[in-house]
């Protein structure tokens, strides 16, 4: 099965690809770096807002 790398958009295979869904270790590390620097985020309420609601 052919897939497109979400980072560099190169075509790669799913089978026998240790970095899937990425095409290489480099693209996998770029993606990890984006999570680490909070370039990617999962939407949700901040902890402070939740704590304030519990106190009232």
Protein backbone atom coordinates (compact mmCIF):
# COMPACT_ATOMS: atom_id res chain seq x y z
CA UNK A 1 0.00 0.00 0.00
CA UNK A 2 1.40 3.41 -1.00
CA UNK A 3 1.02 6.34 1.40
CA UNK A 4 2.09 9.98 1.43
CA UNK A 5 4.42 11.17 4.18
CA UNK A 6 2.59 13.83 6.23
CA UNK A 7 5.78 15.91 6.59
CA UNK A 8 7.55 15.95 3.21
CA UNK A 9 4.72 14.58 1.01
CA UNK A 10 6.97 11.90 -0.55
CA UNK A 11 5.36 8.62 -1.53
CA UNK A 12 6.34 5.62 0.58
CA UNK A 13 5.04 2.16 1.40
CA UNK A 14 3.19 1.12 4.53
CA UNK A 15 4.55 -2.42 4.57
CA UNK A 16 8.05 -2.97 5.91
CA UNK A 17 8.39 0.73 6.78
CA UNK A 18 9.67 1.12 10.37
CA UNK A 19 8.85 4.86 10.43
CA UNK A 20 5.27 4.70 9.15
CA UNK A 21 3.31 6.83 8.54
CA UNK A 22 6.48 8.82 7.77
CA UNK A 23 8.92 8.04 4.97
CA UNK A 24 12.08 8.29 7.10
CA UNK A 25 13.43 8.73 10.60
CA UNK A 26 14.12 12.38 9.74
CA UNK A 27 10.44 13.11 9.05
CA UNK A 28 9.44 11.22 12.20
CA UNK A 29 11.80 13.40 14.29
CA UNK A 30 10.54 16.60 12.63
CA UNK A 31 7.00 15.62 13.65
CA UNK A 32 8.12 14.83 17.21
CA UNK A 33 9.84 18.22 17.39
CA UNK A 34 6.63 19.98 16.40
CA UNK A 35 4.82 18.29 19.29
CA UNK A 36 7.67 19.14 21.69
CA UNK A 37 7.64 22.84 20.75
CA UNK A 38 3.82 22.91 20.96
CA UNK A 39 3.45 23.72 17.27
CA UNK A 40 0.86 20.94 17.33
CA UNK A 41 -1.71 21.06 20.11
CA UNK A 42 -4.78 19.18 21.17
CA UNK A 43 -7.54 21.63 21.88
CA UNK A 44 -8.85 21.72 25.42
CA UNK A 45 -9.33 23.85 28.49
CA UNK A 46 -6.34 25.09 30.42
CA UNK A 47 -5.73 23.55 33.84
CA UNK A 48 -6.18 26.92 35.58
CA UNK A 49 -9.66 27.36 34.10
CA UNK A 50 -10.69 23.89 35.26
CA UNK A 51 -9.32 24.51 38.79
CA UNK A 52 -11.25 27.82 39.06
CA UNK A 53 -14.51 26.11 38.16
CA UNK A 54 -13.94 23.40 40.80
CA UNK A 55 -13.32 26.02 43.52
CA UNK A 56 -16.57 27.94 42.91
